Amino acid sequence: MEMGHDAFYVEKRSEQVRGKKRLVIDYKPLNLFLQDDKFPVPRANTLFSQIPGATIFSKFDLDQQSRLSPPDNQPQ
């Protein structure tokens, strides 16, 4: 099955002064063909109750969470 998706350029936030653009592709139509695999984020109290007795921990940094958000000029 062949599919095509809309592609367009948007201004890079960090390069707006220079007018640099980046290519983006809208893959939303592809969602109709994907299986919905829900995996909800556990509640904080559920996670904290699992800490006692744990010996290995990991962390992730949300400092760059702006990369997860759509650009201001794009529909959500």
PDB file of N, CA and C in Angstrom:
ATOM      1  N   MET A   1       0.848  -1.173   0.000  1.00  0.00           N
ATOM      2  CA  MET A   1       0.000   0.000   0.000  1.00  0.00           C
ATOM      3  C   MET A   1       0.896   1.239   0.000  1.00  0.00           C
ATOM      4  N   GLU A   2       0.688   2.107  -0.926  1.00  0.00           N
ATOM      5  CA  GLU A   2       1.448   3.359  -0.972  1.00  0.00           C
ATOM      6  C   GLU A   2       0.625   4.469  -0.344  1.00  0.00           C
ATOM      7  N   MET A   3       1.305   5.337   0.368  1.00  0.00           N
ATOM      8  CA  MET A   3       0.633   6.471   1.001  1.00  0.00           C
ATOM      9  C   MET A   3       1.482   7.712   0.796  1.00  0.00           C
ATOM     10  N   GLY A   4       0.838   8.837   0.715  1.00  0.00           N
ATOM     11  CA  GLY A   4       1.535  10.114   0.643  1.00  0.00           C
ATOM     12  C   GLY A   4       1.092  10.978   1.808  1.00  0.00           C
ATOM     13  N   HIS A   5       1.985  11.807   2.290  1.00  0.00           N
ATOM     14  CA  HIS A   5       1.665  12.682   3.416  1.00  0.00           C
ATOM     15  C   HIS A   5       2.102  14.097   3.079  1.00  0.00           C
ATOM     16  N   ASP A   6       1.366  15.060   3.634  1.00  0.00           N
ATOM     17  CA  ASP A   6       1.690  16.463   3.393  1.00  0.00           C
ATOM     18  C   ASP A   6       3.054  16.799   3.987  1.00  0.00           C
ATOM     19  N   ALA A   7       3.851  17.495   3.222  1.00  0.00           N
ATOM     20  CA  ALA A   7       5.151  17.973   3.689  1.00  0.00           C
ATOM     21  C   ALA A   7       5.204  19.477   3.450  1.00  0.00           C
ATOM     22  N   PHE A   8       5.752  20.203   4.408  1.00  0.00           N
ATOM     23  CA  PHE A   8       5.846  21.654   4.277  1.00  0.00           C
ATOM     24  C   PHE A   8       6.985  22.157   5.157  1.00  0.00           C
ATOM     25  N   TYR A   9       7.343  23.399   4.965  1.00  0.00           N
ATOM     26  CA  TYR A   9       8.426  24.013   5.732  1.00  0.00           C
ATOM     27  C   TYR A   9       7.859  24.929   6.803  1.00  0.00           C
ATOM     28  N   VAL A  10       8.511  24.948   7.957  1.00  0.00           N
ATOM     29  CA  VAL A  10       8.190  25.889   9.028  1.00  0.00           C
ATOM     30  C   VAL A  10       9.486  26.555   9.453  1.00  0.00           C
ATOM     31  N   GLU A  11       9.360  27.755  10.002  1.00  0.00           N
ATOM     32  CA  GLU A  11      10.550  28.452  10.485  1.00  0.00           C
ATOM     33  C   GLU A  11      11.048  27.787  11.758  1.00  0.00           C
ATOM     34  N   LYS A  12      12.341  27.591  11.846  1.00  0.00           N
ATOM     35  CA  LYS A  12      12.940  27.051  13.060  1.00  0.00           C
ATOM     36  C   LYS A  12      12.893  28.136  14.127  1.00  0.00           C
ATOM     37  N   ARG A  13      12.437  27.803  15.307  1.00  0.00           N
ATOM     38  CA  ARG A  13      12.345  28.794  16.383  1.00  0.00           C
ATOM     39  C   ARG A  13      13.704  29.402  16.697  1.00  0.00           C
ATOM     40  N   SER A  14      14.718  28.577  16.743  1.00  0.00           N
ATOM     41  CA  SER A  14      16.047  29.071  17.111  1.00  0.00           C
ATOM     42  C   SER A  14      16.710  29.845  15.978  1.00  0.00           C
ATOM     43  N   GLU A  15      16.168  29.775  14.773  1.00  0.00           N
ATOM     44  CA  GLU A  15      16.794  30.411  13.612  1.00  0.00           C
ATOM     45  C   GLU A  15      15.877  31.428  12.940  1.00  0.00           C
ATOM     46  N   GLN A  16      14.892  31.970  13.657  1.00  0.00           N
ATOM     47  CA  GLN A  16      13.939  32.895  13.045  1.00  0.00           C
ATOM     48  C   GLN A  16      14.614  34.152  12.522  1.00  0.00           C
ATOM     49  N   VAL A  17      15.680  34.593  13.172  1.00  0.00           N
ATOM     50  CA  VAL A  17      16.368  35.806  12.733  1.00  0.00           C
ATOM     51  C   VAL A  17      16.973  35.599  11.352  1.00  0.00           C
ATOM     52  N   ARG A  18      17.543  34.425  11.129  1.00  0.00           N
ATOM     53  CA  ARG A  18      18.177  34.139   9.843  1.00  0.00           C
ATOM     54  C   ARG A  18      17.190  33.609   8.809  1.00  0.00           C
ATOM     55  N   GLY A  19      15.978  33.311   9.222  1.00  0.00           N
ATOM     56  CA  GLY A  19      14.977  32.823   8.286  1.00  0.00           C
ATOM     57  C   GLY A  19      15.150  31.377   7.867  1.00  0.00           C
ATOM     58  N   LYS A  20      15.866  30.598   8.664  1.00  0.00           N
ATOM     59  CA  LYS A  20      16.051  29.184   8.320  1.00  0.00           C
ATOM     60  C   LYS A  20      14.744  28.430   8.520  1.00  0.00           C
ATOM     61  N   LYS A  21      14.532  27.454   7.669  1.00  0.00           N
ATOM     62  CA  LYS A  21      13.315  26.659   7.753  1.00  0.00           C
ATOM     63  C   LYS A  21      13.678  25.191   7.902  1.00  0.00           C
ATOM     64  N   ARG A  22      12.710  24.415   8.417  1.00  0.00           N
ATOM     65  CA  ARG A  22      12.909  22.971   8.520  1.00  0.00           C
ATOM     66  C   ARG A  22      11.723  22.269   7.889  1.00  0.00           C
ATOM     67  N   LEU A  23      11.980  21.123   7.325  1.00  0.00           N
ATOM     68  CA  LEU A  23      10.948  20.340   6.666  1.00  0.00           C
ATOM     69  C   LEU A  23      10.207  19.511   7.703  1.00  0.00           C
ATOM     70  N   VAL A  24       8.880  19.566   7.674  1.00  0.00           N
ATOM     71  CA  VAL A  24       8.058  18.732   8.548  1.00  0.00           C
ATOM     72  C   VAL A  24       7.074  17.944   7.691  1.00  0.00           C
ATOM     73  N   ILE A  25       6.683  16.788   8.187  1.00  0.00           N
ATOM     74  CA  ILE A  25       5.751  15.920   7.474  1.00  0.00           C
ATOM     75  C   ILE A  25       4.596  15.592   8.407  1.00  0.00           C
ATOM     76  N   ASP A  26       3.375  15.718   7.898  1.00  0.00           N
ATOM     77  CA  ASP A  26       2.176  15.442   8.684  1.00  0.00           C
ATOM     78  C   ASP A  26       1.798  13.972   8.517  1.00  0.00           C
ATOM     79  N   TYR A  27       2.070  13.181   9.548  1.00  0.00           N
ATOM     80  CA  TYR A  27       1.762  11.752   9.504  1.00  0.00           C
ATOM     81  C   TYR A  27       0.421  11.420  10.161  1.00  0.00           C
ATOM     82  N   LYS A  28      -0.390  12.422  10.509  1.00  0.00           N
ATOM     83  CA  LYS A  28      -1.657  12.153  11.186  1.00  0.00           C
ATOM     84  C   LYS A  28      -2.555  11.176  10.430  1.00  0.00           C
ATOM     85  N   PRO A  29      -2.657  11.245   9.091  1.00  0.00           N
ATOM     86  CA  PRO A  29      -3.517  10.275   8.396  1.00  0.00           C
ATOM     87  C   PRO A  29      -3.074   8.826   8.617  1.00  0.00           C
ATOM     88  N   LEU A  30      -1.821   8.620   8.917  1.00  0.00           N
ATOM     89  CA  LEU A  30      -1.317   7.272   9.158  1.00  0.00           C
ATOM     90  C   LEU A  30      -1.931   6.656  10.413  1.00  0.00           C
ATOM     91  N   ASN A  31      -2.356   7.496  11.356  1.00  0.00           N
ATOM     92  CA  ASN A  31      -2.934   7.005  12.606  1.00  0.00           C
ATOM     93  C   ASN A  31      -4.159   6.125  12.376  1.00  0.00           C
ATOM     94  N   LEU A  32      -4.877   6.345  11.285  1.00  0.00           N
ATOM     95  CA  LEU A  32      -6.063   5.537  10.998  1.00  0.00           C
ATOM     96  C   LEU A  32      -5.707   4.068  10.788  1.00  0.00           C
ATOM     97  N   PHE A  33      -4.479   3.784  10.431  1.00  0.00           N
ATOM     98  CA  PHE A  33      -4.055   2.423  10.126  1.00  0.00           C
ATOM     99  C   PHE A  33      -3.265   1.771  11.260  1.00  0.00           C
ATOM    100  N   LEU A  34      -3.064   2.499  12.355  1.00  0.00           N
ATOM    101  CA  LEU A  34      -2.278   1.979  13.470  1.00  0.00           C
ATOM    102  C   LEU A  34      -3.184   1.449  14.570  1.00  0.00           C
ATOM    103  N   GLN A  35      -2.717   0.439  15.259  1.00  0.00           N
ATOM    104  CA  GLN A  35      -3.457  -0.120  16.373  1.00  0.00           C
ATOM    105  C   GLN A  35      -3.261   0.778  17.588  1.00  0.00           C
ATOM    106  N   ASP A  36      -4.344   1.031  18.314  1.00  0.00           N
ATOM    107  CA  ASP A  36      -4.278   1.868  19.506  1.00  0.00           C
ATOM    108  C   ASP A  36      -3.743   1.024  20.659  1.00  0.00           C
ATOM    109  N   ASP A  37      -2.545   1.313  21.097  1.00  0.00           N
ATOM    110  CA  ASP A  37      -1.893   0.559  22.158  1.00  0.00           C
ATOM    111  C   ASP A  37      -1.767   1.464  23.370  1.00  0.00           C
ATOM    112  N   LYS A  38      -2.799   1.496  24.192  1.00  0.00           N
ATOM    113  CA  LYS A  38      -2.815   2.411  25.329  1.00  0.00           C
ATOM    114  C   LYS A  38      -1.923   1.884  26.457  1.00  0.00           C
ATOM    115  N   PHE A  39      -1.095   2.743  26.963  1.00  0.00           N
ATOM    116  CA  PHE A  39      -0.283   2.440  28.129  1.00  0.00           C
ATOM    117  C   PHE A  39      -0.255   3.703  28.976  1.00  0.00           C
ATOM    118  N   PRO A  40      -1.209   3.829  29.904  1.00  0.00           N
ATOM    119  CA  PRO A  40      -1.293   5.063  30.687  1.00  0.00           C
ATOM    120  C   PRO A  40      -0.090   5.242  31.606  1.00  0.00           C
ATOM    121  N   VAL A  41       0.267   6.471  31.842  1.00  0.00           N
ATOM    122  CA  VAL A  41       1.349   6.788  32.775  1.00  0.00           C
ATOM    123  C   VAL A  41       0.828   6.518  34.184  1.00  0.00           C
ATOM    124  N   PRO A  42       1.564   5.757  34.988  1.00  0.00           N
ATOM    125  CA  PRO A  42       1.096   5.453  36.348  1.00  0.00           C
ATOM    126  C   PRO A  42       1.028   6.719  37.204  1.00  0.00           C
ATOM    127  N   ARG A  43       0.157   6.688  38.187  1.00  0.00           N
ATOM    128  CA  ARG A  43       0.049   7.811  39.124  1.00  0.00           C
ATOM    129  C   ARG A  43       1.291   7.851  40.016  1.00  0.00           C
ATOM    130  N   ALA A  44       1.609   9.044  40.497  1.00  0.00           N
ATOM    131  CA  ALA A  44       2.823   9.228  41.303  1.00  0.00           C
ATOM    132  C   ALA A  44       2.811   8.337  42.538  1.00  0.00           C
ATOM    133  N   ASN A  45       1.671   8.255  43.246  1.00  0.00           N
ATOM    134  CA  ASN A  45       1.641   7.442  44.471  1.00  0.00           C
ATOM    135  C   ASN A  45       1.863   5.958  44.167  1.00  0.00           C
ATOM    136  N   THR A  46       1.446   5.495  43.002  1.00  0.00           N
ATOM    137  CA  THR A  46       1.704   4.109  42.600  1.00  0.00           C
ATOM    138  C   THR A  46       3.198   3.896  42.401  1.00  0.00           C
ATOM    139  N   LEU A  47       3.852   4.847  41.748  1.00  0.00           N
ATOM    140  CA  LEU A  47       5.295   4.739  41.521  1.00  0.00           C
ATOM    141  C   LEU A  47       6.075   4.793  42.834  1.00  0.00           C
ATOM    142  N   PHE A  48       5.698   5.734  43.712  1.00  0.00           N
ATOM    143  CA  PHE A  48       6.421   5.880  44.977  1.00  0.00           C
ATOM    144  C   PHE A  48       6.249   4.654  45.871  1.00  0.00           C
ATOM    145  N   SER A  49       5.113   3.986  45.775  1.00  0.00           N
ATOM    146  CA  SER A  49       4.901   2.788  46.605  1.00  0.00           C
ATOM    147  C   SER A  49       5.797   1.637  46.164  1.00  0.00           C
ATOM    148  N   GLN A  50       6.342   1.705  44.963  1.00  0.00           N
ATOM    149  CA  GLN A  50       7.209   0.646  44.457  1.00  0.00           C
ATOM    150  C   GLN A  50       8.688   0.901  44.761  1.00  0.00           C
ATOM    151  N   ILE A  51       9.026   2.071  45.315  1.00  0.00           N
ATOM    152  CA  ILE A  51      10.422   2.425  45.576  1.00  0.00           C
ATOM    153  C   ILE A  51      11.048   1.623  46.714  1.00  0.00           C
ATOM    154  N   PRO A  52      10.356   1.402  47.842  1.00  0.00           N
ATOM    155  CA  PRO A  52      11.012   0.654  48.931  1.00  0.00           C
ATOM    156  C   PRO A  52      11.510  -0.709  48.442  1.00  0.00           C
ATOM    157  N   GLY A  53      12.762  -0.981  48.736  1.00  0.00           N
ATOM    158  CA  GLY A  53      13.352  -2.251  48.330  1.00  0.00           C
ATOM    159  C   GLY A  53      13.983  -2.228  46.948  1.00  0.00           C
ATOM    160  N   ALA A  54      13.803  -1.149  46.205  1.00  0.00           N
ATOM    161  CA  ALA A  54      14.394  -1.068  44.864  1.00  0.00           C
ATOM    162  C   ALA A  54      15.895  -0.829  44.972  1.00  0.00           C
ATOM    163  N   THR A  55      16.645  -1.355  44.020  1.00  0.00           N
ATOM    164  CA  THR A  55      18.099  -1.186  44.032  1.00  0.00           C
ATOM    165  C   THR A  55      18.619  -0.488  42.783  1.00  0.00           C
ATOM    166  N   ILE A  56      17.826  -0.426  41.730  1.00  0.00           N
ATOM    167  CA  ILE A  56      18.244   0.222  40.486  1.00  0.00           C
ATOM    168  C   ILE A  56      17.243   1.326  40.158  1.00  0.00           C
ATOM    169  N   PHE A  57      17.765   2.509  39.862  1.00  0.00           N
ATOM    170  CA  PHE A  57      16.914   3.644  39.537  1.00  0.00           C
ATOM    171  C   PHE A  57      17.362   4.254  38.215  1.00  0.00           C
ATOM    172  N   SER A  58      16.445   4.889  37.520  1.00  0.00           N
ATOM    173  CA  SER A  58      16.788   5.636  36.305  1.00  0.00           C
ATOM    174  C   SER A  58      16.006   6.939  36.327  1.00  0.00           C
ATOM    175  N   LYS A  59      16.421   7.866  35.501  1.00  0.00           N
ATOM    176  CA  LYS A  59      15.714   9.141  35.429  1.00  0.00           C
ATOM    177  C   LYS A  59      15.720   9.621  33.988  1.00  0.00           C
ATOM    178  N   PHE A  60      14.793  10.531  33.671  1.00  0.00           N
ATOM    179  CA  PHE A  60      14.802  11.190  32.376  1.00  0.00           C
ATOM    180  C   PHE A  60      14.557  12.665  32.599  1.00  0.00           C
ATOM    181  N   ASP A  61      15.104  13.458  31.745  1.00  0.00           N
ATOM    182  CA  ASP A  61      15.101  14.908  31.891  1.00  0.00           C
ATOM    183  C   ASP A  61      14.093  15.515  30.929  1.00  0.00           C
ATOM    184  N   LEU A  62      13.158  16.292  31.458  1.00  0.00           N
ATOM    185  CA  LEU A  62      12.154  16.947  30.623  1.00  0.00           C
ATOM    186  C   LEU A  62      12.560  18.370  30.264  1.00  0.00           C
ATOM    187  N   ASP A  63      13.845  18.672  30.378  1.00  0.00           N
ATOM    188  CA  ASP A  63      14.322  20.010  30.063  1.00  0.00           C
ATOM    189  C   ASP A  63      14.032  20.384  28.614  1.00  0.00           C
ATOM    190  N   GLN A  64      14.032  19.434  27.717  1.00  0.00           N
ATOM    191  CA  GLN A  64      13.798  19.702  26.301  1.00  0.00           C
ATOM    192  C   GLN A  64      12.367  19.347  25.896  1.00  0.00           C
ATOM    193  N   GLN A  65      11.396  19.423  26.833  1.00  0.00           N
ATOM    194  CA  GLN A  65      10.038  19.022  26.513  1.00  0.00           C
ATOM    195  C   GLN A  65       9.414  19.889  25.434  1.00  0.00           C
ATOM    196  N   SER A  66       9.983  21.060  25.167  1.00  0.00           N
ATOM    197  CA  SER A  66       9.431  21.913  24.113  1.00  0.00           C
ATOM    198  C   SER A  66       9.512  21.222  22.762  1.00  0.00           C
ATOM    199  N   ARG A  67      10.423  20.288  22.601  1.00  0.00           N
ATOM    200  CA  ARG A  67      10.523  19.549  21.342  1.00  0.00           C
ATOM    201  C   ARG A  67       9.341  18.606  21.159  1.00  0.00           C
ATOM    202  N   LEU A  68       8.641  18.302  22.254  1.00  0.00           N
ATOM    203  CA  LEU A  68       7.495  17.412  22.176  1.00  0.00           C
ATOM    204  C   LEU A  68       6.218  18.166  21.832  1.00  0.00           C
ATOM    205  N   SER A  69       6.246  19.476  21.946  1.00  0.00           N
ATOM    206  CA  SER A  69       5.057  20.285  21.700  1.00  0.00           C
ATOM    207  C   SER A  69       5.018  20.733  20.249  1.00  0.00           C
ATOM    208  N   PRO A  70       3.805  20.835  19.678  1.00  0.00           N
ATOM    209  CA  PRO A  70       3.726  21.339  18.304  1.00  0.00           C
ATOM    210  C   PRO A  70       4.109  22.817  18.255  1.00  0.00           C
ATOM    211  N   PRO A  71       4.637  23.289  17.142  1.00  0.00           N
ATOM    212  CA  PRO A  71       4.958  24.713  17.010  1.00  0.00           C
ATOM    213  C   PRO A  71       3.702  25.563  17.200  1.00  0.00           C
ATOM    214  N   ASP A  72       3.893  26.791  17.686  1.00  0.00           N
ATOM    215  CA  ASP A  72       2.759  27.675  17.953  1.00  0.00           C
ATOM    216  C   ASP A  72       1.908  27.941  16.724  1.00  0.00           C
ATOM    217  N   ASN A  73       2.509  27.929  15.547  1.00  0.00           N
ATOM    218  CA  ASN A  73       1.756  28.291  14.349  1.00  0.00           C
ATOM    219  C   ASN A  73       1.135  27.081  13.657  1.00  0.00           C
ATOM    220  N   GLN A  74       1.131  25.922  14.304  1.00  0.00           N
ATOM    221  CA  GLN A  74       0.567  24.719  13.692  1.00  0.00           C
ATOM    222  C   GLN A  74      -0.704  24.312  14.433  1.00  0.00           C
ATOM    223  N   PRO A  75      -1.709  23.825  13.719  1.00  0.00           N
ATOM    224  CA  PRO A  75      -2.921  23.345  14.396  1.00  0.00           C
ATOM    225  C   PRO A  75      -2.613  22.106  15.225  1.00  0.00           C
ATOM    226  N   GLN A  76      -3.350  21.958  16.305  1.00  0.00           N
ATOM    227  CA  GLN A  76      -3.121  20.802  17.182  1.00  0.00           C
ATOM    228  C   GLN A  76      -4.121  19.713  16.899  1.00  0.00           C
TER     229      GLN A  76
END
